[in-house]
C-alpha atoms as a PDB file:
ATOM      1  CA  MET A   1     139.647  91.787  56.554  1.00  0.00           C
ATOM      2  CA  PRO A   2     141.954  93.213  53.851  1.00  0.00           C
ATOM      3  CA  ASP A   3     142.349  96.960  53.606  1.00  0.00           C
ATOM      4  CA  THR A   4     141.111  97.038  50.023  1.00  0.00           C
ATOM      5  CA  ILE A   5     139.004  94.829  47.800  1.00  0.00           C
ATOM      6  CA  GLN A   6     137.614  95.048  44.301  1.00  0.00           C
ATOM      7  CA  LEU A   7     135.926  98.443  43.937  1.00  0.00           C
ATOM      8  CA  GLY A   8     134.118  97.938  40.664  1.00  0.00           C
ATOM      9  CA  TYR A   9     132.883  95.096  38.529  1.00  0.00           C
ATOM     10  CA  ARG A  10     130.449  94.288  35.775  1.00  0.00           C
ATOM     11  CA  SER A  11     127.449  92.184  36.805  1.00  0.00           C
ATOM     12  CA  GLY A  12     125.480  91.046  33.760  1.00  0.00           C
ATOM     13  CA  GLU A  13     125.120  94.225  31.713  1.00  0.00           C
ATOM     14  CA  ALA A  14     125.315  96.670  34.608  1.00  0.00           C
ATOM     15  CA  GLU A  15     128.594  98.154  35.836  1.00  0.00           C
ATOM     16  CA  PHE A  16     128.946  98.824  39.555  1.00  0.00           C
ATOM     17  CA  THR A  17     131.332 101.181  41.345  1.00  0.00           C
ATOM     18  CA  ALA A  18     131.565 101.139  45.125  1.00  0.00           C
ATOM     19  CA  ARG A  19     130.037 104.148  46.827  1.00  0.00           C
ATOM     20  CA  PRO A  20     131.240 105.980  49.955  1.00  0.00           C
ATOM     21  CA  LEU A  21     129.475 105.021  53.155  1.00  0.00           C
ATOM     22  CA  HIS A  22     128.168 108.527  53.816  1.00  0.00           C
ATOM     23  CA  LEU A  23     126.275 108.543  50.510  1.00  0.00           C
ATOM     24  CA  HIS A  24     124.279 105.444  51.405  1.00  0.00           C
ATOM     25  CA  THR A  25     120.834 105.195  52.858  1.00  0.00           C
ATOM     26  CA  LEU A  26     120.187 102.221  55.126  1.00  0.00           C
ATOM     27  CA  ASP A  27     118.326 100.432  52.347  1.00  0.00           C
ATOM     28  CA  SER A  28     121.040 100.976  49.733  1.00  0.00           C
ATOM     29  CA  LEU A  29     123.750  99.918  52.196  1.00  0.00           C
ATOM     30  CA  LEU A  30     121.976  96.662  52.993  1.00  0.00           C
ATOM     31  CA  ALA A  31     121.337  95.958  49.311  1.00  0.00           C
ATOM     32  CA  ASP A  32     125.034  96.338  48.472  1.00  0.00           C
ATOM     33  CA  LEU A  33     126.307  94.320  51.442  1.00  0.00           C
ATOM     34  CA  VAL A  34     123.857  91.474  50.895  1.00  0.00           C
ATOM     35  CA  SER A  35     124.920  91.319  47.248  1.00  0.00           C
ATOM     36  CA  GLY A  36     128.615  91.212  48.095  1.00  0.00           C
ATOM     37  CA  ARG A  37     129.311  94.690  46.754  1.00  0.00           C
ATOM     38  CA  ALA A  38     131.924  96.867  48.378  1.00  0.00           C
ATOM     39  CA  VAL A  39     131.310 100.026  50.413  1.00  0.00           C
ATOM     40  CA  LEU A  40     134.006 102.696  50.593  1.00  0.00           C
ATOM     41  CA  LEU A  41     135.067 103.630  54.137  1.00  0.00           C
ATOM     42  CA  GLY A  42     137.842 105.992  53.125  1.00  0.00           C
ATOM     43  CA  GLU A  43     140.077 106.910  50.224  1.00  0.00           C
ATOM     44  CA  ASP A  44     142.028 103.630  50.401  1.00  0.00           C
ATOM     45  CA  THR A  45     139.764 101.381  52.441  1.00  0.00           C
ATOM     46  CA  SER A  46     136.628  99.475  51.587  1.00  0.00           C
ATOM     47  CA  PHE A  47     134.468  96.821  53.179  1.00  0.00           C
ATOM     48  CA  ALA A  48     132.364  93.961  51.873  1.00  0.00           C
ATOM     49  CA  LEU A  49     130.806  90.761  53.162  1.00  0.00           C
ATOM     50  CA  ALA A  50     132.734  88.273  51.072  1.00  0.00           C
ATOM     51  CA  ASP A  51     131.373  85.194  52.878  1.00  0.00           C
ATOM     52  CA  ASP A  52     128.066  83.865  51.485  1.00  0.00           C
ATOM     53  CA  ARG A  53     126.806  82.733  54.893  1.00  0.00           C
ATOM     54  CA  THR A  54     127.324  86.176  56.381  1.00  0.00           C
ATOM     55  CA  ARG A  55     125.505  87.743  53.459  1.00  0.00           C
ATOM     56  CA  SER A  56     122.615  85.272  53.820  1.00  0.00           C
ATOM     57  CA  ALA A  57     122.357  86.053  57.548  1.00  0.00           C
ATOM     58  CA  LEU A  58     122.196  89.781  56.810  1.00  0.00           C
ATOM     59  CA  GLN A  59     119.549  89.126  54.151  1.00  0.00           C
ATOM     60  CA  TRP A  60     117.414  87.327  56.758  1.00  0.00           C
ATOM     61  CA  TYR A  61     117.506  90.408  59.009  1.00  0.00           C
ATOM     62  CA  ARG A  62     116.965  92.703  56.010  1.00  0.00           C
ATOM     63  CA  ALA A  63     113.858  90.756  54.990  1.00  0.00           C
ATOM     64  CA  ARG A  64     112.423  90.904  58.505  1.00  0.00           C
ATOM     65  CA  GLY A  65     112.572  94.696  58.529  1.00  0.00           C
ATOM     66  CA  GLU A  66     114.128  97.306  60.776  1.00  0.00           C
ATOM     67  CA  ALA A  67     111.256  97.224  63.284  1.00  0.00           C
ATOM     68  CA  ASN A  68     112.181  93.636  64.228  1.00  0.00           C
ATOM     69  CA  TRP A  69     115.941  94.073  64.616  1.00  0.00           C
ATOM     70  CA  ALA A  70     115.793  94.961  68.305  1.00  0.00           C
ATOM     71  CA  ALA A  71     113.248  92.235  69.130  1.00  0.00           C
ATOM     72  CA  ASN A  72     114.185  89.023  70.923  1.00  0.00           C
ATOM     73  CA  VAL A  73     115.086  86.124  68.639  1.00  0.00           C
ATOM     74  CA  SER A  74     112.882  83.156  69.485  1.00  0.00           C
ATOM     75  CA  ALA A  75     113.779  79.496  68.973  1.00  0.00           C
ATOM     76  CA  THR A  76     111.679  79.520  65.812  1.00  0.00           C
ATOM     77  CA  HIS A  77     113.527  82.560  64.528  1.00  0.00           C
ATOM     78  CA  GLY A  78     116.823  80.868  65.329  1.00  0.00           C
ATOM     79  CA  GLU A  79     115.867  77.877  63.186  1.00  0.00           C
ATOM     80  CA  GLN A  80     114.783  80.198  60.373  1.00  0.00           C
ATOM     81  CA  LEU A  81     118.093  82.041  60.594  1.00  0.00           C
ATOM     82  CA  VAL A  82     120.065  78.792  60.376  1.00  0.00           C
ATOM     83  CA  ASP A  83     118.041  77.729  57.339  1.00  0.00           C
ATOM     84  CA  ALA A  84     118.603  81.130  55.736  1.00  0.00           C
ATOM     85  CA  ILE A  85     122.367  80.961  56.308  1.00  0.00           C
ATOM     86  CA  LEU A  86     122.505  77.690  54.388  1.00  0.00           C
ATOM     87  CA  THR A  87     120.850  79.215  51.330  1.00  0.00           C
ATOM     88  CA  GLU A  88     122.629  81.179  48.622  1.00  0.00           C
ATOM     89  CA  PRO A  89     122.398  84.949  49.188  1.00  0.00           C
ATOM     90  CA  PRO A  90     120.480  86.947  46.580  1.00  0.00           C
ATOM     91  CA  GLU A  91     121.935  89.616  44.352  1.00  0.00           C
ATOM     92  CA  VAL A  92     119.839  92.684  45.061  1.00  0.00           C
ATOM     93  CA  ALA A  93     119.771  95.491  42.521  1.00  0.00           C
ATOM     94  CA  ALA A  94     121.803  98.493  43.612  1.00  0.00           C
ATOM     95  CA  LEU A  95     119.526 101.278  44.777  1.00  0.00           C
ATOM     96  CA  ALA A  96     119.835 104.776  43.404  1.00  0.00           C
ATOM     97  CA  ALA A  97     122.367 107.037  45.070  1.00  0.00           C
ATOM     98  CA  ARG A  98     122.625 110.776  44.990  1.00  0.00           C
ATOM     99  CA  PRO A  99     124.875 112.226  42.270  1.00  0.00           C
ATOM    100  CA  ALA A 100     128.459 113.137  43.127  1.00  0.00           C
ATOM    101  CA  SER A 101     127.638 116.780  42.323  1.00  0.00           C
ATOM    102  CA  ALA A 102     125.182 116.836  45.221  1.00  0.00           C
ATOM    103  CA  ASN A 103     127.924 118.311  47.436  1.00  0.00           C
ATOM    104  CA  ASN A 104     126.887 121.648  45.918  1.00  0.00           C
ATOM    105  CA  ARG A 105     123.177 120.998  46.223  1.00  0.00           C
ATOM    106  CA  ARG A 106     121.139 123.708  47.953  1.00  0.00           C
ATOM    107  CA  LEU A 107     117.465 123.225  48.723  1.00  0.00           C
ATOM    108  CA  THR A 108     114.984 125.827  49.920  1.00  0.00           C
ATOM    109  CA  LEU A 109     111.841 124.935  51.815  1.00  0.00           C
ATOM    110  CA  LEU A 110     108.934 126.281  49.816  1.00  0.00           C
ATOM    111  CA  LYS A 111     105.883 124.890  51.580  1.00  0.00           C
ATOM    112  CA  LEU A 112     104.929 123.039  54.759  1.00  0.00           C
ATOM    113  CA  GLU A 113     101.580 121.305  55.132  1.00  0.00           C
ATOM    114  CA  ALA A 114     100.714 119.428  58.323  1.00  0.00           C
ATOM    115  CA  HIS A 115      97.696 117.313  59.206  1.00  0.00           C
ATOM    116  CA  ARG A 116      96.685 116.709  62.818  1.00  0.00           C
ATOM    117  CA  PHE A 117     100.179 117.381  64.221  1.00  0.00           C
ATOM    118  CA  ALA A 118     100.636 117.840  67.969  1.00  0.00           C
ATOM    119  CA  GLY A 119     101.337 121.440  68.924  1.00  0.00           C
ATOM    120  CA  LEU A 120      99.915 122.784  65.664  1.00  0.00           C
ATOM    121  CA  HIS A 121      96.470 121.188  65.890  1.00  0.00           C
ATOM    122  CA  LYS A 122      93.816 120.066  68.283  1.00  0.00           C
ATOM    123  CA  PHE A 123      92.769 116.450  67.808  1.00  0.00           C
ATOM    124  CA  GLY A 124      89.154 117.116  66.871  1.00  0.00           C
ATOM    125  CA  THR A 125      87.386 113.800  66.340  1.00  0.00           C
ATOM    126  CA  PRO A 126      88.396 110.791  64.226  1.00  0.00           C
ATOM    127  CA  ALA A 127      85.775 111.736  61.629  1.00  0.00           C
ATOM    128  CA  ALA A 128      86.331 115.510  61.784  1.00  0.00           C
ATOM    129  CA  PRO A 129      90.017 116.457  61.828  1.00  0.00           C
ATOM    130  CA  PRO A 130      91.079 120.087  62.161  1.00  0.00           C
ATOM    131  CA  LYS A 131      91.968 122.108  59.082  1.00  0.00           C
ATOM    132  CA  ASN A 132      95.440 121.411  57.732  1.00  0.00           C
ATOM    133  CA  TYR A 133      98.186 123.824  58.751  1.00  0.00           C
ATOM    134  CA  VAL A 134      99.789 125.312  55.636  1.00  0.00           C
ATOM    135  CA  HIS A 135     102.716 127.718  55.493  1.00  0.00           C
ATOM    136  CA  GLU A 136     104.366 128.914  52.291  1.00  0.00           C
ATOM    137  CA  PHE A 137     107.822 130.388  52.803  1.00  0.00           C
ATOM    138  CA  SER A 138     108.609 133.525  50.815  1.00  0.00           C
ATOM    139  CA  ALA A 139     111.965 134.647  52.245  1.00  0.00           C
ATOM    140  CA  PRO A 140     115.408 133.029  52.617  1.00  0.00           C
ATOM    141  CA  ILE A 141     115.177 133.333  56.416  1.00  0.00           C
ATOM    142  CA  THR A 142     111.954 133.127  58.438  1.00  0.00           C
ATOM    143  CA  LEU A 143     111.817 134.317  62.052  1.00  0.00           C
ATOM    144  CA  TYR A 144     109.049 133.119  64.349  1.00  0.00           C
ATOM    145  CA  GLU A 145     108.177 135.061  67.473  1.00  0.00           C
ATOM    146  CA  GLY A 146     105.586 134.061  70.042  1.00  0.00           C
ATOM    147  CA  LEU A 147     104.798 133.263  73.641  1.00  0.00           C
ATOM    148  CA  GLY A 148     105.724 129.971  75.241  1.00  0.00           C
ATOM    149  CA  ALA A 149     103.625 126.999  74.089  1.00  0.00           C
ATOM    150  CA  SER A 150     102.419 128.968  71.047  1.00  0.00           C
ATOM    151  CA  GLY A 151     103.761 126.371  68.597  1.00  0.00           C
ATOM    152  CA  LYS A 152     107.250 127.586  67.603  1.00  0.00           C
ATOM    153  CA  THR A 153     109.008 124.333  68.530  1.00  0.00           C
ATOM    154  CA  SER A 154     106.105 122.305  67.147  1.00  0.00           C
ATOM    155  CA  LEU A 155     106.546 124.030  63.791  1.00  0.00           C
ATOM    156  CA  ALA A 156     110.247 123.127  63.786  1.00  0.00           C
ATOM    157  CA  ASN A 157     109.394 119.600  64.882  1.00  0.00           C
ATOM    158  CA  ALA A 158     106.958 119.162  62.002  1.00  0.00           C
ATOM    159  CA  ILE A 159     109.783 119.881  59.559  1.00  0.00           C
ATOM    160  CA  ILE A 160     112.338 117.772  61.452  1.00  0.00           C
ATOM    161  CA  TRP A 161     109.955 114.826  61.846  1.00  0.00           C
ATOM    162  CA  ALA A 162     109.107 114.791  58.143  1.00  0.00           C
ATOM    163  CA  LEU A 163     112.799 114.641  57.271  1.00  0.00           C
ATOM    164  CA  THR A 164     114.164 112.355  60.010  1.00  0.00           C
ATOM    165  CA  GLY A 165     111.342 110.705  61.965  1.00  0.00           C
ATOM    166  CA  GLN A 166     112.611 112.395  65.146  1.00  0.00           C
ATOM    167  CA  ILE A 167     111.540 115.423  67.156  1.00  0.00           C
ATOM    168  CA  LEU A 168     113.360 117.827  69.453  1.00  0.00           C
ATOM    169  CA  ARG A 169     112.836 117.530  73.205  1.00  0.00           C
ATOM    170  CA  PRO A 170     113.745 120.109  75.878  1.00  0.00           C
ATOM    171  CA  GLN A 171     116.765 119.145  77.984  1.00  0.00           C
ATOM    172  CA  ARG A 172     117.184 115.719  76.393  1.00  0.00           C
ATOM    173  CA  GLU A 173     118.255 114.159  73.130  1.00  0.00           C
ATOM    174  CA  PRO A 174     115.977 114.162  70.062  1.00  0.00           C
ATOM    175  CA  GLU A 175     113.609 111.198  70.135  1.00  0.00           C
ATOM    176  CA  LYS A 176     111.905 108.993  67.584  1.00  0.00           C
ATOM    177  CA  ALA A 177     108.269 110.015  67.210  1.00  0.00           C
ATOM    178  CA  ASN A 178     106.982 106.481  66.703  1.00  0.00           C
ATOM    179  CA  GLU A 179     107.751 105.456  70.288  1.00  0.00           C
ATOM    180  CA  GLU A 180     104.406 105.419  72.077  1.00  0.00           C
ATOM    181  CA  PHE A 181     103.644 106.410  75.652  1.00  0.00           C
ATOM    182  CA  ASP A 182     100.581 106.131  77.892  1.00  0.00           C
ATOM    183  CA  CYS A 183      98.199 109.016  78.436  1.00  0.00           C
ATOM    184  CA  TRP A 184      95.465 109.038  81.058  1.00  0.00           C
ATOM    185  CA  VAL A 185      91.932 110.249  80.428  1.00  0.00           C
ATOM    186  CA  THR A 186      89.380 111.022  83.109  1.00  0.00           C
ATOM    187  CA  ALA A 187      86.328 108.794  83.280  1.00  0.00           C
ATOM    188  CA  PRO A 188      83.039 110.089  81.797  1.00  0.00           C
ATOM    189  CA  ASP A 189      81.454 110.365  85.229  1.00  0.00           C
ATOM    190  CA  SER A 190      84.280 112.649  86.430  1.00  0.00           C
ATOM    191  CA  SER A 191      85.313 110.108  89.055  1.00  0.00           C
ATOM    192  CA  LYS A 192      88.904 109.667  90.095  1.00  0.00           C
ATOM    193  CA  GLU A 193      89.280 106.637  87.856  1.00  0.00           C
ATOM    194  CA  LEU A 194      91.401 107.131  84.771  1.00  0.00           C
ATOM    195  CA  THR A 195      91.583 105.192  81.526  1.00  0.00           C
ATOM    196  CA  THR A 196      94.937 104.568  79.823  1.00  0.00           C
ATOM    197  CA  HIS A 197      95.541 104.950  76.096  1.00  0.00           C
ATOM    198  CA  ARG A 198      98.664 104.704  73.924  1.00  0.00           C
ATOM    199  CA  LEU A 199      99.660 107.913  72.155  1.00  0.00           C
ATOM    200  CA  THR A 200     102.516 109.014  69.895  1.00  0.00           C
ATOM    201  CA  PRO A 201     104.432 112.276  70.458  1.00  0.00           C
ATOM    202  CA  VAL A 202     103.123 113.776  67.192  1.00  0.00           C
ATOM    203  CA  THR A 203      99.457 112.922  67.832  1.00  0.00           C
ATOM    204  CA  PRO A 204      97.441 115.706  69.539  1.00  0.00           C
ATOM    205  CA  MET A 205      95.877 114.880  72.892  1.00  0.00           C
ATOM    206  CA  PRO A 206      92.096 114.532  72.462  1.00  0.00           C
ATOM    207  CA  ASP A 207      89.765 116.976  74.180  1.00  0.00           C
ATOM    208  CA  VAL A 208      87.367 114.713  76.092  1.00  0.00           C
ATOM    209  CA  ALA A 209      84.620 117.275  75.574  1.00  0.00           C
ATOM    210  CA  GLN A 210      84.824 116.441  71.840  1.00  0.00           C
ATOM    211  CA  TYR A 211      86.143 112.885  71.738  1.00  0.00           C
ATOM    212  CA  ARG A 212      86.899 110.200  74.302  1.00  0.00           C
ATOM    213  CA  PRO A 213      89.013 107.199  73.196  1.00  0.00           C
ATOM    214  CA  VAL A 214      87.156 103.925  73.638  1.00  0.00           C
ATOM    215  CA  GLN A 215      90.073 101.595  72.904  1.00  0.00           C
ATOM    216  CA  GLY A 216      93.528 101.176  74.368  1.00  0.00           C
ATOM    217  CA  TRP A 217      95.005 103.703  71.954  1.00  0.00           C
ATOM    218  CA  VAL A 218      94.364 107.133  70.514  1.00  0.00           C
ATOM    219  CA  PRO A 219      93.764 106.986  66.734  1.00  0.00           C
ATOM    220  CA  ALA A 220      96.799 108.038  64.705  1.00  0.00           C
ATOM    221  CA  ASP A 221      96.130 110.222  61.680  1.00  0.00           C
ATOM    222  CA  THR A 222      99.138 112.505  61.287  1.00  0.00           C
ATOM    223  CA  TRP A 223     101.164 113.518  58.275  1.00  0.00           C
ATOM    224  CA  VAL A 224     103.529 116.296  57.264  1.00  0.00           C
ATOM    225  CA  GLU A 225     104.393 117.156  53.681  1.00  0.00           C
ATOM    226  CA  LEU A 226     107.342 119.340  52.645  1.00  0.00           C
ATOM    227  CA  THR A 227     107.968 120.889  49.250  1.00  0.00           C
ATOM    228  CA  PHE A 228     111.447 122.143  48.300  1.00  0.00           C
ATOM    229  CA  THR A 229     113.000 123.992  45.408  1.00  0.00           C
ATOM    230  CA  ASP A 230     116.545 123.291  44.266  1.00  0.00           C
ATOM    231  CA  GLU A 231     119.348 125.753  43.516  1.00  0.00           C
ATOM    232  CA  ASP A 232     117.909 126.366  40.051  1.00  0.00           C
ATOM    233  CA  GLY A 233     114.440 127.176  41.391  1.00  0.00           C
ATOM    234  CA  THR A 234     112.943 123.886  40.213  1.00  0.00           C
ATOM    235  CA  VAL A 235     110.107 122.664  42.421  1.00  0.00           C
ATOM    236  CA  LEU A 236     110.860 119.119  43.588  1.00  0.00           C
ATOM    237  CA  PRO A 237     108.266 116.402  44.260  1.00  0.00           C
ATOM    238  CA  PRO A 238     106.957 116.777  47.832  1.00  0.00           C
ATOM    239  CA  ILE A 239     108.024 114.337  50.514  1.00  0.00           C
ATOM    240  CA  ARG A 240     105.552 113.111  53.145  1.00  0.00           C
ATOM    241  CA  ARG A 241     105.865 111.204  56.401  1.00  0.00           C
ATOM    242  CA  SER A 242     102.703 109.839  58.003  1.00  0.00           C
ATOM    243  CA  GLN A 243     101.429 107.818  60.951  1.00  0.00           C
ATOM    244  CA  ARG A 244      98.316 105.653  61.007  1.00  0.00           C
ATOM    245  CA  ARG A 245      96.972 102.713  62.982  1.00  0.00           C
ATOM    246  CA  THR A 246      95.646  99.378  61.863  1.00  0.00           C
ATOM    247  CA  ALA A 247      92.237  98.153  63.021  1.00  0.00           C
ATOM    248  CA  GLN A 248      94.078  96.313  65.812  1.00  0.00           C
ATOM    249  CA  GLY A 249      95.795  99.499  66.997  1.00  0.00           C
ATOM    250  CA  ARG A 250      99.268  98.765  65.623  1.00  0.00           C
ATOM    251  CA  LEU A 251     101.105 101.931  64.673  1.00  0.00           C
ATOM    252  CA  ASP A 252     102.394 102.240  61.098  1.00  0.00           C
ATOM    253  CA  GLU A 253     104.748 105.022  60.079  1.00  0.00           C
ATOM    254  CA  VAL A 254     105.272 105.546  56.359  1.00  0.00           C
ATOM    255  CA  VAL A 255     108.643 107.133  55.628  1.00  0.00           C
ATOM    256  CA  PRO A 256     109.237 109.416  52.647  1.00  0.00           C
ATOM    257  CA  ASP A 257     111.447 108.617  49.673  1.00  0.00           C
ATOM    258  CA  MET A 258     114.346 110.948  50.413  1.00  0.00           C
ATOM    259  CA  THR A 259     116.185 110.085  47.202  1.00  0.00           C
ATOM    260  CA  THR A 260     113.961 112.551  45.347  1.00  0.00           C
ATOM    261  CA  LEU A 261     115.773 115.377  47.180  1.00  0.00           C
ATOM    262  CA  GLY A 262     119.222 114.209  46.053  1.00  0.00           C
ATOM    263  CA  LEU A 263     120.804 115.092  49.397  1.00  0.00           C
ATOM    264  CA  ASP A 264     123.645 113.467  51.270  1.00  0.00           C
ATOM    265  CA  PRO A 265     121.817 111.575  54.069  1.00  0.00           C
ATOM    266  CA  ILE A 266     124.059 113.110  56.743  1.00  0.00           C
ATOM    267  CA  ALA A 267     123.186 116.615  55.486  1.00  0.00           C
ATOM    268  CA  VAL A 268     119.561 116.083  56.508  1.00  0.00           C
ATOM    269  CA  ARG A 269     120.593 115.351  60.094  1.00  0.00           C
ATOM    270  CA  ILE A 270     123.176 118.143  60.356  1.00  0.00           C
ATOM    271  CA  GLY A 271     120.507 120.779  59.882  1.00  0.00           C
ATOM    272  CA  THR A 272     117.787 119.141  61.963  1.00  0.00           C
ATOM    273  CA  VAL A 273     118.462 116.847  64.933  1.00  0.00           C
ATOM    274  CA  MET A 274     122.173 117.496  65.446  1.00  0.00           C
ATOM    275  CA  PRO A 275     121.636 121.075  66.726  1.00  0.00           C
ATOM    276  CA  GLY A 276     119.373 119.524  69.368  1.00  0.00           C
ATOM    277  CA  LEU A 277     122.376 117.586  70.681  1.00  0.00           C
ATOM    278  CA  LEU A 278     124.618 120.612  71.189  1.00  0.00           C
ATOM    279  CA  PRO A 279     123.257 121.664  74.628  1.00  0.00           C
ATOM    280  CA  LEU A 280     123.862 118.114  75.867  1.00  0.00           C
ATOM    281  CA  ILE A 281     127.525 117.858  74.836  1.00  0.00           C
ATOM    282  CA  LYS A 282     129.891 118.385  77.755  1.00  0.00           C
ATOM    283  CA  VAL A 283     133.276 119.792  76.845  1.00  0.00           C
ATOM    284  CA  GLY A 284     135.953 117.147  77.326  1.00  0.00           C
ATOM    285  CA  HIS A 285     133.473 114.269  77.622  1.00  0.00           C
ATOM    286  CA  GLU A 286     132.614 111.695  75.001  1.00  0.00           C
ATOM    287  CA  SER A 287     129.124 112.215  73.615  1.00  0.00           C
ATOM    288  CA  GLU A 288     126.577 110.296  71.554  1.00  0.00           C
ATOM    289  CA  LEU A 289     127.539 112.572  68.678  1.00  0.00           C
ATOM    290  CA  GLY A 290     131.196 111.735  69.238  1.00  0.00           C
ATOM    291  CA  ARG A 291     130.561 108.025  69.292  1.00  0.00           C
ATOM    292  CA  GLY A 292     128.471 108.380  66.147  1.00  0.00           C
ATOM    293  CA  CYS A 293     131.104 110.312  64.209  1.00  0.00           C
ATOM    294  CA  ARG A 294     133.953 108.005  65.239  1.00  0.00           C
ATOM    295  CA  PRO A 295     133.573 105.598  62.288  1.00  0.00           C
ATOM    296  CA  ALA A 296     133.148 108.453  59.818  1.00  0.00           C
ATOM    297  CA  TYR A 297     136.556 109.886  60.715  1.00  0.00           C
ATOM    298  CA  GLY A 298     138.403 106.598  60.758  1.00  0.00           C
ATOM    299  CA  ALA A 299     138.788 106.619  64.532  1.00  0.00           C
ATOM    300  CA  ILE A 300     138.184 102.877  64.641  1.00  0.00           C
ATOM    301  CA  ARG A 301     141.315 102.247  62.590  1.00  0.00           C
ATOM    302  CA  SER A 302     143.386 104.744  64.563  1.00  0.00           C
ATOM    303  CA  ASN A 303     141.981 103.550  67.904  1.00  0.00           C
ATOM    304  CA  ARG A 304     141.184 107.100  68.919  1.00  0.00           C
ATOM    305  CA  SER A 305     138.000 108.649  70.283  1.00  0.00           C
ATOM    306  CA  CYS A 306     136.040 111.527  68.863  1.00  0.00           C
ATOM    307  CA  TRP A 307     135.569 114.181  71.552  1.00  0.00           C
ATOM    308  CA  ALA A 308     133.816 117.499  71.862  1.00  0.00           C
ATOM    309  CA  ARG A 309     136.361 120.305  72.212  1.00  0.00           C
ATOM    310  CA  PRO A 310     135.956 124.076  72.463  1.00  0.00           C
ATOM    311  CA  THR A 311     136.868 126.109  69.390  1.00  0.00           C
ATOM    312  CA  SER A 312     138.545 129.465  69.359  1.00  0.00           C
END
């Protein structure tokens, strides 16, 4: 791959200029790569998929959706992929990016509203959810004080989940909140037999005195909405992340449109899930954070590792 390629061109009536990798969302990155547009990796280095077959293969995965990327590829999928590779790749419209001036962007959380969120709510019943939790922030810094298991971490997790889809976990890395686990519920006759039901980390555990799941899953009906103001005091459109189930019990998580905030995507993670990694980083040992930051600092080209080191 050459160190540099064409960084700007005119397609039809629209002019395109390559954008730095760290300004991309996953969707905008895929759209540019599938269309053969360049992505800036550094001041003098860019990357693009110049081969049509490679672009068509990426388009096949893009069309299938992120949820299917880790799934096994069956023989049928293999045939579909081969057929897709032989077709001409599409030219996907470039998705909106944040403005270059967003380096100076400062947002303030104005309001948090959560619906049936674990740690802040009881489950209630499917037809009678608990009252929404609403908090309006009135100071630059808010300090929460309370006993253990009173909801302090859950409050932070509601904010972090809405922004990233992950939650903090004690003594382990932040986790995606759409990864289900099994919970066990005692039988109605109080026997030793237990029934098993799938549950997400952000769904409250039902109180069997109020509601007992009758299917192999606990209903999902959770959302968190955040409202921010920008540096000029302008109230921005709220963002909302939600989880629901289909009639067959399949979990659907609807992600918010983060472009309305105009933030660098990495900035969202720096202030949310990355602090949860700090207790797990061993000085002098390579970490998940180190491996993640390696491409961003050009360590691939220099063949060096990114390590955690003490600072003075």
